[in-house]
Protein backbone atom coordinates (compact mmCIF):
# COMPACT_ATOMS: atom_id res chain seq x y z
CA MET A 1 38.59 -55.28 48.71
CA LYS A 2 35.46 -55.15 50.87
CA ILE A 3 35.77 -54.26 54.54
CA ALA A 4 33.33 -54.32 57.48
CA VAL A 5 34.09 -52.24 60.56
CA ALA A 6 33.05 -53.37 64.06
CA CYS A 7 34.65 -51.13 66.69
CA LYS A 8 33.71 -50.55 70.32
CA SER A 9 35.00 -46.97 70.04
CA ILE A 10 32.45 -44.88 68.16
CA LEU A 11 35.12 -42.31 67.29
CA LEU A 12 37.36 -44.97 65.75
CA GLN A 13 34.37 -46.56 63.99
CA LYS A 14 33.35 -43.27 62.34
CA SER A 15 36.97 -42.38 61.48
CA LEU A 16 37.51 -45.72 59.77
CA GLU A 17 34.24 -45.40 57.88
CA LEU A 18 35.33 -41.96 56.68
CA PHE A 19 38.89 -43.04 55.76
CA LEU A 20 37.73 -46.25 54.06
CA LYS A 21 34.45 -45.08 52.53
CA ASN A 22 35.28 -46.68 49.15
CA TYR A 23 35.91 -50.08 50.76
CA ILE A 24 33.13 -50.27 53.38
CA SER A 25 30.71 -53.13 52.92
CA PRO A 26 28.14 -54.96 55.06
CA TYR A 27 29.55 -57.85 57.10
CA LYS A 28 27.85 -60.44 54.89
CA TYR A 29 29.69 -59.24 51.77
CA SER A 30 32.99 -58.21 53.33
CA ASP A 31 36.36 -59.90 52.81
CA PHE A 32 37.55 -59.12 56.33
CA ILE A 33 36.64 -57.23 59.51
CA ILE A 34 38.41 -54.31 61.18
CA SER A 35 37.96 -54.04 64.93
CA ASP A 36 39.51 -52.42 67.98
CA ARG A 37 39.07 -55.58 70.08
CA GLU A 38 39.40 -59.33 69.70
CA ILE A 39 36.09 -60.68 68.43
CA SER A 40 35.11 -64.11 67.23
CA VAL A 41 34.21 -63.93 63.55
CA ASP A 42 34.34 -66.34 60.63
CA LYS A 43 36.37 -63.92 58.52
CA PRO A 44 39.92 -62.60 58.90
CA LEU A 45 40.22 -59.95 61.59
CA PHE A 46 42.33 -56.82 61.22
CA LEU A 47 42.98 -55.59 64.75
CA ILE A 48 43.66 -51.95 65.61
CA SER A 49 44.78 -51.37 69.21
CA LYS A 50 47.68 -50.50 71.49
CA ASN A 51 48.53 -54.21 71.96
CA GLU A 52 51.67 -55.66 70.44
CA ASN A 53 49.72 -58.30 68.51
CA ALA A 54 47.64 -55.68 66.66
CA ASN A 55 47.87 -55.34 62.90
CA LEU A 56 47.96 -51.58 63.34
CA ARG A 57 48.89 -49.87 66.58
CA LEU A 58 47.25 -46.74 67.91
CA PRO A 59 47.76 -43.90 67.07
CA PHE A 60 48.00 -44.11 63.29
CA THR A 61 47.67 -41.93 60.21
CA LYS A 62 45.35 -42.47 57.26
CA SER A 63 48.28 -43.42 55.04
CA GLN A 64 49.53 -45.98 57.60
CA LEU A 65 46.02 -47.42 57.76
CA ILE A 66 45.73 -47.79 53.99
CA LEU A 67 49.20 -49.33 53.65
CA GLU A 68 48.61 -51.86 56.44
CA ILE A 69 45.16 -52.82 55.15
CA LYS A 70 46.48 -53.36 51.63
CA SER A 71 49.33 -55.45 53.01
CA PHE A 72 46.89 -57.48 55.14
CA TYR A 73 44.61 -58.03 52.15
CA LYS A 74 47.48 -59.08 49.92
CA LYS A 75 48.79 -61.53 52.52
CA ASN A 76 45.37 -63.09 53.14
CA PHE A 77 43.68 -62.99 49.76
CA GLN A 78 46.07 -62.40 46.87
CA SER A 79 47.67 -65.83 47.10
CA SER A 80 44.29 -67.57 46.81
CA ASP A 81 43.31 -65.30 43.92
CA THR A 82 46.58 -66.15 42.16
CA LYS A 83 45.98 -69.88 42.69
CA GLN A 84 42.49 -69.54 41.23
CA GLN A 85 43.84 -67.62 38.24
CA ASN A 86 46.46 -70.34 37.69
CA ARG A 87 43.75 -73.03 37.81
CA ASP A 88 41.61 -71.07 35.35
CA LEU A 89 44.60 -70.62 33.04
CA SER A 90 45.43 -74.32 33.26
CA LEU A 91 41.85 -75.24 32.31
CA LEU A 92 41.97 -72.81 29.42
CA GLU A 93 45.28 -74.24 28.22
CA LYS A 94 43.83 -77.77 28.29
CA ARG A 95 40.78 -76.69 26.31
CA VAL A 96 42.94 -74.96 23.70
CA GLU A 97 45.21 -78.00 23.50
CA LEU A 98 42.22 -80.30 22.90
CA LEU A 99 40.85 -77.98 20.25
CA CYS A 100 44.25 -77.89 18.51
CA GLU A 101 44.48 -81.68 18.55
CA LYS A 102 40.96 -81.97 17.14
CA PHE A 103 41.77 -79.43 14.44
CA GLN A 104 45.00 -81.25 13.59
CA LYS A 105 43.18 -84.59 13.21
CA GLU A 106 40.49 -83.03 11.01
CA LEU A 107 43.12 -81.30 8.88
CA ILE A 108 45.12 -84.50 8.38
CA LYS A 109 41.93 -86.40 7.54
CA THR A 110 40.95 -83.76 4.96
CA ILE A 111 44.41 -83.77 3.36
CA LYS A 112 44.49 -87.58 3.16
CA GLU A 113 41.01 -87.65 1.62
CA TYR A 114 42.06 -85.10 -0.97
CA TYR A 115 45.17 -87.00 -2.07
CA GLU A 116 43.53 -90.42 -2.07
CA ARG A 117 41.16 -89.51 -4.91
């Protein structure tokens, strides 16, 4: 999980950077943005404010922040990761199936050749 922080409040900005120091990333590499105001970005926005539509309402604790961010991340990204894993598994299964069929044909061919002598 990579997070960029873009807050108008410097105090909130620094607090989030301190609380989330293991997750902070530049905007370019981040999965989503945390902000204290509505901003137009091309990534999911996690809003922290007093408004009812905020993902996390002020005031909050560090544990509330972490729980809400993990929930937000899971809701927005885990499903796509799971779909990708399922696609990868499906491709792997098809490759294994083709290899098994090829092996079976070669084995049958070898057995027939042995007994036809």
